[in-house]
Every structure is written in structure tokens, then in C-alpha cells.
């Protein structure tokens, strides 16, 4: 999928999602998939997606629809369920054209089942996430066809430069506009982005799925298994970049600095999965650069969401993409080892 064009404006879906018309439309689709719907209740209504709980006579499901540029998730999850059925949520029904996804209730998300700062659990999450990525390496073309945007190390320098100028060129009144001072600092920083990209590319790791929002609310604990979900922010990229979100979260929860051995303990659990392709010491040295490049994936997912926001929604959320781009100026959550 091409990168989001911020000059494009697509209709917002939030008013429709809040309407009786959408509820009737959803009920009709669900009835054809799982039979009579006894309870249908909206669980979430966000600018970027809506989620509904669905109850039939004997089962409970979740139905989801995303904003237009993230609606690929429905088809992507169906593809993942076919390729790695033991690693992701099962799929009850999909309407890829409308971006509707129906999944059976999997019970507790991980954050409800374990302590939020349990390092053993976080090690398991990132290692399982890396195993998922490794399993999908042979299927990158299928993920591409399912709608994922490719944003690997080779793409990062040109993406950062283009997105920088796009955001800096917006009118000052636009909430997505990048300030002149930050834009200047980022322009001066672009050689660093190239250096990061060169360092990560030198590892020779394959491009694969980057969940791009991996945390303990996006993993179900099913018995002793972990099943991942919520892939709407995903991109195709460097596998190590998937550690940005979990390490950011842990750094905050643990009040840990970039040299905190607890953060490296978690990171190493994921790096081990790739240590047959590159020496662990090289993976550790390159991880901070990979985490910096991963910030661009967050920029892109927010850019996709912003395209289908109203002016009022942009006033609230539009600054998120430029804020993420500006984090290129910050230090990574771990320092070079």
C-alpha cells in the first residue's frame, strides 16, 4: 500500500459508526455470519476504529471496522490466521471490501491476567512476537498483497525526508503542521537517519511484519498460549523495530534509563530469535538505530488515520504524526550495548 497522502481527505466514519444505520448494517452482516444476534453493544468508538461486542445464543465475538486507510486489517488478519493460526486470534468472518472483521472472544488480554511489570511475561511477549515475525518471513509478498505498507531500512531516509517536508509545508493553522524550529532540527538530523538505516541494513535481516503497537493490551492469554491481535497499525519493516513500543512502555513503567539491564533483558529475548542470522553482539549494537527508524512506522500509521478525520477530529489528533516524527530527535529507549 502506498504511503498516506496528507493532501487527500477521506470521509470520517465516526458519525456513521455512532448511528442506528451502522448498527443495522452491522447486525445484518453478523446475522449472515453467525446467526441470530441477541446482544450487540458498542465497546469502543475512536476516530480510527470502532469495536462491538456480539453475543449469540452460545458464543461471544468482537466485530471491528477501521478507518479507510487502516481497513486492510480485516484481510490481513484473515491472512495471518491462515499462515500462523496458533499465533493470532482466530477469525469467524471477514468482509475485506468493507474492512469488517469478526473474531471470537479469547478471554483476558494479557494486561488483565498478569502484573504489568512482570519481566518474565514481557520476555515471553517479545520473543513470541519475534517468532511470529520469523514465521512470516517467507510470506512477505502475501502480507504486501494484504495491504501492508513497506517501510524497511532502505525506505527510511527518503520517507523521513518526504514526510518532514510534507508536514512542514502545511499551513500553520493545520494541527498536523510541523513547526519551523522542529523542521530545521529534523532536516539537520537526516544524515543520522541515513546512518541508522545503513547500520540496520548491514545486519541483513529480512523485512517482515512489524506489529507497530505491541503491548500487553494487544495480546490474549489463551491457556498457556499467547495470541496477538490489533494489527491495524502494522507495516512491513525491520523486525527489530517491533521492540520500540514495548521498550518505551517498560521504560516508563520501570522508570528505567537507556542502560537499565531490565530493558536489555527483555530486548535480548527477541534478539535471540534472529541471532542465527546476525551475531547477538551486532544485533545489540544496532538495536538503538532500529528503534529510531521504527518511529517512522508510528508516523505512518497516524498519517493513515489523519486522512479520514474531520476538522474537529484533526484539531484533537492531527498533531500526533508530527510529534512522532519529532521523536527522531530523542534518544532511543536503550543505548548501544
Protein backbone atom coordinates (compact mmCIF):
# COMPACT_ATOMS: atom_id res chain seq x y z
CA UNK A 1 0.00 0.00 0.00
CA UNK A 2 1.41 3.47 -0.83
CA UNK A 3 2.17 5.92 1.94
CA UNK A 4 -0.69 8.07 3.17
CA UNK A 5 -1.14 11.30 1.25
CA UNK A 6 -1.95 14.03 3.74
CA UNK A 7 -3.33 16.21 0.96
CA UNK A 8 -6.13 13.66 0.48
CA UNK A 9 -9.27 13.95 2.59
CA UNK A 10 -11.48 10.91 3.02
CA UNK A 11 -14.81 10.92 4.89
CA UNK A 12 -14.71 10.35 8.62
CA UNK A 13 -16.62 7.27 9.74
CA UNK A 14 -17.19 8.19 13.37
CA UNK A 15 -20.66 9.73 12.94
CA UNK A 16 -21.75 6.73 10.87
CA UNK A 17 -20.35 4.32 13.47
CA UNK A 18 -22.46 6.06 16.12
CA UNK A 19 -25.63 5.82 14.04
CA UNK A 20 -28.52 3.38 14.07
CA UNK A 21 -27.91 2.88 10.36
CA UNK A 22 -24.49 1.38 11.03
CA UNK A 23 -25.87 -0.78 13.84
CA UNK A 24 -28.50 -2.14 11.44
CA UNK A 25 -25.89 -2.68 8.72
CA UNK A 26 -23.62 -4.49 11.15
CA UNK A 27 -26.46 -6.62 12.51
CA UNK A 28 -27.39 -7.72 9.01
CA UNK A 29 -23.82 -8.75 8.24
CA UNK A 30 -23.39 -10.54 11.56
CA UNK A 31 -26.65 -12.45 11.17
CA UNK A 32 -25.41 -13.84 7.89
CA UNK A 33 -22.13 -14.89 9.54
CA UNK A 34 -23.11 -16.31 12.94
CA UNK A 35 -26.91 -16.43 13.01
CA UNK A 36 -29.23 -14.52 15.30
CA UNK A 37 -27.56 -11.75 17.25
CA UNK A 38 -29.01 -11.50 20.75
CA UNK A 39 -26.82 -8.69 22.07
CA UNK A 40 -24.90 -6.09 20.08
CA UNK A 41 -23.11 -3.39 22.06
CA UNK A 42 -20.54 -0.83 21.04
CA UNK A 43 -17.38 -1.39 23.11
CA UNK A 44 -15.20 1.32 21.56
CA UNK A 45 -15.69 4.30 19.31
CA UNK A 46 -12.49 6.00 18.27
CA UNK A 47 -11.64 8.25 15.36
CA UNK A 48 -9.65 5.38 13.84
CA UNK A 49 -11.87 2.36 14.61
CA UNK A 50 -14.99 1.00 16.24
CA UNK A 51 -15.29 -2.29 18.13
CA UNK A 52 -18.54 -4.04 19.09
CA UNK A 53 -19.29 -6.98 21.35
CA UNK A 54 -21.57 -9.55 19.75
CA UNK A 55 -23.47 -12.27 21.59
CA UNK A 56 -25.39 -15.13 20.04
CA UNK A 57 -27.20 -17.90 21.89
CA UNK A 58 -23.95 -19.66 22.76
CA UNK A 59 -20.95 -17.52 21.78
CA UNK A 60 -19.40 -14.10 22.16
CA UNK A 61 -17.47 -12.25 19.45
CA UNK A 62 -15.84 -8.93 18.70
CA UNK A 63 -16.63 -7.04 15.48
CA UNK A 64 -14.30 -4.30 14.26
CA UNK A 65 -14.10 -1.78 11.46
CA UNK A 66 -11.20 0.66 10.93
CA UNK A 67 -10.84 3.98 9.18
CA UNK A 68 -10.32 3.66 5.44
CA UNK A 69 -6.50 3.54 5.25
CA UNK A 70 -6.30 1.02 8.09
CA UNK A 71 -9.19 -1.13 6.88
CA UNK A 72 -6.67 -3.58 5.41
CA UNK A 73 -6.54 -5.13 8.90
CA UNK A 74 -9.52 -7.40 8.24
CA UNK A 75 -7.92 -9.06 5.23
CA UNK A 76 -4.51 -9.09 6.91
CA UNK A 77 -5.78 -10.90 10.00
CA UNK A 78 -7.51 -13.46 7.78
CA UNK A 79 -4.17 -14.00 6.01
CA UNK A 80 -2.32 -14.30 9.31
CA UNK A 81 -4.89 -16.76 10.66
CA UNK A 82 -4.29 -18.92 7.60
CA UNK A 83 -0.48 -18.67 7.80
CA UNK A 84 0.13 -18.81 11.57
CA UNK A 85 -3.15 -19.93 13.18
CA UNK A 86 -1.58 -20.66 16.56
CA UNK A 87 -0.09 -17.16 16.91
CA UNK A 88 -3.03 -14.84 16.23
CA UNK A 89 -6.71 -14.55 17.05
CA UNK A 90 -8.92 -16.92 15.06
CA UNK A 91 -11.25 -15.37 12.50
CA UNK A 92 -15.00 -16.03 12.45
CA UNK A 93 -15.79 -13.85 9.43
CA UNK A 94 -14.27 -11.17 7.22
CA UNK A 95 -15.61 -8.70 4.70
CA UNK A 96 -12.33 -7.41 3.27
CA UNK A 97 -14.06 -4.96 0.93
CA UNK A 98 -15.76 -3.17 3.82
CA UNK A 99 -12.96 -3.85 6.28
CA UNK A 100 -15.21 -5.76 8.68
CA UNK A 101 -13.57 -8.31 10.97
CA UNK A 102 -15.26 -10.73 13.36
CA UNK A 103 -13.25 -12.70 15.90
CA UNK A 104 -14.38 -14.99 18.74
CA UNK A 105 -13.82 -13.80 22.28
CA UNK A 106 -10.46 -15.09 23.53
CA UNK A 107 -10.89 -14.23 27.19
CA UNK A 108 -8.49 -11.99 29.08
CA UNK A 109 -5.96 -9.74 27.47
CA UNK A 110 -2.53 -10.20 28.97
CA UNK A 111 -2.64 -6.98 31.00
CA UNK A 112 -5.66 -8.34 32.88
CA UNK A 113 -4.01 -11.67 33.61
CA UNK A 114 -0.52 -10.72 34.84
CA UNK A 115 1.35 -7.92 36.59
CA UNK A 116 2.13 -5.11 34.19
CA UNK A 117 5.85 -5.03 35.12
CA UNK A 118 6.46 -8.81 35.14
CA UNK A 119 9.67 -9.09 33.13
CA UNK A 120 9.24 -12.82 32.56
CA UNK A 121 5.95 -12.09 30.84
CA UNK A 122 7.40 -9.26 28.74
CA UNK A 123 10.28 -11.51 27.68
CA UNK A 124 7.73 -14.06 26.56
CA UNK A 125 5.68 -11.45 24.68
CA UNK A 126 8.57 -10.05 22.66
CA UNK A 127 10.03 -13.50 21.99
CA UNK A 128 6.64 -14.77 20.79
CA UNK A 129 6.28 -11.64 18.69
CA UNK A 130 9.69 -12.28 17.12
CA UNK A 131 8.77 -15.91 16.48
CA UNK A 132 5.63 -14.68 14.71
CA UNK A 133 7.74 -12.36 12.57
CA UNK A 134 10.20 -15.14 11.77
CA UNK A 135 7.39 -17.46 10.68
CA UNK A 136 6.10 -14.80 8.30
CA UNK A 137 9.40 -14.05 6.56
CA UNK A 138 8.66 -16.42 3.63
CA UNK A 139 5.25 -14.78 3.19
CA UNK A 140 6.21 -11.09 2.91
CA UNK A 141 4.67 -10.90 -0.56
CA UNK A 142 1.34 -12.13 0.78
CA UNK A 143 1.43 -9.53 3.54
CA UNK A 144 2.26 -6.89 0.95
CA UNK A 145 -0.72 -8.00 -1.12
CA UNK A 146 -2.91 -7.87 2.01
CA UNK A 147 -2.27 -4.13 2.23
CA UNK A 148 0.79 -3.60 4.43
CA UNK A 149 2.94 -0.55 3.70
CA UNK A 150 6.62 -1.39 3.15
CA UNK A 151 8.85 0.75 5.37
CA UNK A 152 12.16 -1.05 5.77
CA UNK A 153 15.61 0.42 6.44
CA UNK A 154 16.16 1.14 2.75
CA UNK A 155 12.94 3.19 2.65
CA UNK A 156 13.51 5.13 5.88
CA UNK A 157 15.75 8.04 4.77
CA UNK A 158 13.59 9.04 1.80
CA UNK A 159 10.39 8.53 3.82
CA UNK A 160 11.66 10.71 6.68
CA UNK A 161 12.73 13.48 4.30
CA UNK A 162 9.48 13.45 2.32
CA UNK A 163 7.20 13.30 5.36
CA UNK A 164 9.20 16.08 7.00
CA UNK A 165 8.70 18.43 4.05
CA UNK A 166 5.04 17.46 3.72
CA UNK A 167 4.33 18.28 7.37
CA UNK A 168 6.50 21.40 7.36
CA UNK A 169 4.69 22.66 4.27
CA UNK A 170 1.23 22.59 5.84
CA UNK A 171 -0.37 25.89 6.86
CA UNK A 172 0.38 26.94 10.42
CA UNK A 173 -3.30 26.65 11.33
CA UNK A 174 -3.25 22.93 10.39
CA UNK A 175 -2.75 20.84 13.54
CA UNK A 176 -0.57 18.45 11.53
CA UNK A 177 1.90 21.20 10.66
CA UNK A 178 5.47 20.81 11.84
CA UNK A 179 6.88 23.90 13.49
CA UNK A 180 9.72 25.76 11.81
CA UNK A 181 12.19 25.11 14.63
CA UNK A 182 11.49 21.38 14.76
CA UNK A 183 11.56 21.15 10.98
CA UNK A 184 15.01 22.74 10.92
CA UNK A 185 16.30 20.40 13.61
CA UNK A 186 14.94 17.39 11.75
CA UNK A 187 16.49 18.49 8.45
CA UNK A 188 19.84 18.68 10.20
CA UNK A 189 19.16 15.22 11.64
CA UNK A 190 18.51 13.46 8.31
CA UNK A 191 22.14 12.27 7.96
CA UNK A 192 21.64 10.44 11.26
CA UNK A 193 18.57 8.71 9.80
CA UNK A 194 20.70 7.57 6.86
CA UNK A 195 23.38 6.29 9.24
CA UNK A 196 20.79 4.37 11.26
CA UNK A 197 19.37 2.87 8.09
CA UNK A 198 22.83 1.81 6.91
CA UNK A 199 23.63 0.21 10.26
CA UNK A 200 20.37 -1.75 10.43
CA UNK A 201 20.52 -2.78 6.78
CA UNK A 202 24.04 -4.13 7.34
CA UNK A 203 22.59 -6.79 9.66
CA UNK A 204 20.95 -8.41 6.63
CA UNK A 205 17.71 -9.20 8.45
CA UNK A 206 14.66 -9.79 6.26
CA UNK A 207 11.74 -7.40 6.04
CA UNK A 208 8.72 -8.83 7.83
CA UNK A 209 5.65 -7.85 9.85
CA UNK A 210 6.11 -5.09 12.41
CA UNK A 211 3.01 -5.02 14.61
CA UNK A 212 3.85 -1.37 15.37
CA UNK A 213 1.76 -1.29 18.55
CA UNK A 214 2.89 -4.34 20.51
CA UNK A 215 1.86 -4.18 24.15
CA UNK A 216 0.05 -6.17 26.81
CA UNK A 217 -3.42 -4.97 25.78
CA UNK A 218 -2.93 -6.39 22.28
CA UNK A 219 -2.17 -9.96 23.33
CA UNK A 220 -4.64 -12.54 24.58
CA UNK A 221 -3.55 -15.17 27.08
CA UNK A 222 -5.40 -18.32 26.00
CA UNK A 223 -4.46 -21.06 28.43
CA UNK A 224 -0.68 -21.06 28.20
CA UNK A 225 -0.67 -19.60 24.68
CA UNK A 226 -0.29 -16.00 23.56
CA UNK A 227 -2.38 -14.81 20.62
CA UNK A 228 -1.73 -11.43 19.03
CA UNK A 229 -4.38 -9.08 17.66
CA UNK A 230 -4.98 -5.43 16.67
CA UNK A 231 -2.79 -5.28 13.56
CA UNK A 232 -4.23 -2.05 12.10
CA UNK A 233 -1.02 -0.07 12.70
CA UNK A 234 1.21 -2.72 11.14
CA UNK A 235 3.86 -2.14 8.49
CA UNK A 236 6.38 -4.30 6.65
CA UNK A 237 9.75 -3.40 8.04
CA UNK A 238 12.83 -4.31 10.00
CA UNK A 239 11.90 -6.94 12.61
CA UNK A 240 13.79 -5.26 15.47
CA UNK A 241 11.61 -2.17 15.16
CA UNK A 242 8.73 -4.01 16.79
CA UNK A 243 10.54 -3.55 20.12
CA UNK A 244 10.04 0.23 20.14
CA UNK A 245 6.60 0.22 21.74
CA UNK A 246 7.22 -2.46 24.41
CA UNK A 247 10.56 -0.93 25.41
CA UNK A 248 9.02 2.56 25.57
CA UNK A 249 6.23 1.24 27.78
CA UNK A 250 8.60 -0.68 30.06
CA UNK A 251 10.99 2.24 30.33
CA UNK A 252 8.09 4.34 31.62
CA UNK A 253 6.68 1.69 33.94
CA UNK A 254 10.06 0.77 35.41
CA UNK A 255 11.39 4.34 35.37
CA UNK A 256 14.39 2.83 33.66
CA UNK A 257 17.10 4.64 31.73
CA UNK A 258 18.68 3.51 28.46
CA UNK A 259 21.28 1.41 30.28
CA UNK A 260 18.76 -0.35 32.53
CA UNK A 261 19.62 -4.08 32.43
CA UNK A 262 15.93 -4.93 32.82
CA UNK A 263 15.17 -3.36 29.43
CA UNK A 264 18.04 -5.22 27.83
CA UNK A 265 16.86 -8.46 29.43
CA UNK A 266 13.54 -8.08 27.60
CA UNK A 267 15.13 -6.92 24.35
CA UNK A 268 17.52 -9.88 24.33
CA UNK A 269 14.59 -12.30 24.40
CA UNK A 270 13.56 -11.02 20.97
CA UNK A 271 17.09 -10.60 19.60
CA UNK A 272 17.85 -14.26 20.32
CA UNK A 273 15.27 -15.24 17.69
CA UNK A 274 17.43 -13.56 15.00
CA UNK A 275 20.85 -14.49 16.38
CA UNK A 276 21.40 -17.22 13.78
CA UNK A 277 21.22 -14.55 11.05
CA UNK A 278 23.47 -11.99 12.75
CA UNK A 279 25.66 -12.27 15.87
CA UNK A 280 23.88 -11.25 19.04
CA UNK A 281 26.52 -8.60 19.76
CA UNK A 282 25.84 -6.95 16.39
CA UNK A 283 22.10 -7.12 16.95
CA UNK A 284 22.53 -5.39 20.29
CA UNK A 285 24.73 -2.66 18.80
CA UNK A 286 22.22 -1.99 16.03
CA UNK A 287 19.08 -2.13 18.17
CA UNK A 288 19.08 1.59 19.15
CA UNK A 289 19.25 2.54 15.45
CA UNK A 290 16.43 0.11 14.64
CA UNK A 291 14.29 1.63 17.40
CA UNK A 292 14.85 5.11 15.99
CA UNK A 293 13.79 4.01 12.50
CA UNK A 294 10.72 2.34 13.99
CA UNK A 295 9.41 5.77 14.97
CA UNK A 296 8.64 6.27 11.27
CA UNK A 297 6.17 3.39 11.39
CA UNK A 298 4.28 5.25 14.10
CA UNK A 299 4.31 8.38 11.93
CA UNK A 300 2.84 6.45 9.03
CA UNK A 301 0.05 4.77 10.99
CA UNK A 302 -1.04 8.14 12.38
CA UNK A 303 -0.82 9.71 8.94
CA UNK A 304 -3.16 6.98 7.66
CA UNK A 305 -5.65 7.77 10.41
CA UNK A 306 -5.49 11.54 9.89
CA UNK A 307 -6.56 11.30 6.25
CA UNK A 308 -10.12 10.41 7.28
CA UNK A 309 -10.67 12.86 10.12
CA UNK A 310 -13.00 15.84 10.25
CA UNK A 311 -11.56 19.27 11.02
CA UNK A 312 -12.68 18.87 14.63
CA UNK A 313 -11.06 15.43 14.88
CA UNK A 314 -7.86 16.77 13.34
CA UNK A 315 -7.82 19.55 15.92
CA UNK A 316 -7.65 16.84 18.60
CA UNK A 317 -5.49 14.19 16.94
CA UNK A 318 -3.72 15.78 13.98
CA UNK A 319 -0.58 16.75 15.89
CA UNK A 320 0.23 13.12 16.69
CA UNK A 321 2.01 12.35 13.41
CA UNK A 322 4.39 15.35 13.57
CA UNK A 323 5.02 14.65 17.27
CA UNK A 324 6.11 11.13 16.39
CA UNK A 325 8.35 12.45 13.63
CA UNK A 326 9.93 14.85 16.10
CA UNK A 327 10.81 11.93 18.40
CA UNK A 328 13.61 11.16 15.92
CA UNK A 329 15.42 13.88 17.87
CA UNK A 330 15.09 11.95 21.15
CA UNK A 331 17.30 9.17 22.44
CA UNK A 332 16.15 5.56 21.95
CA UNK A 333 14.80 3.68 25.00
CA UNK A 334 18.05 1.63 25.16
CA UNK A 335 21.58 2.76 24.38
CA UNK A 336 24.10 0.89 22.26
CA UNK A 337 25.42 -2.21 24.00
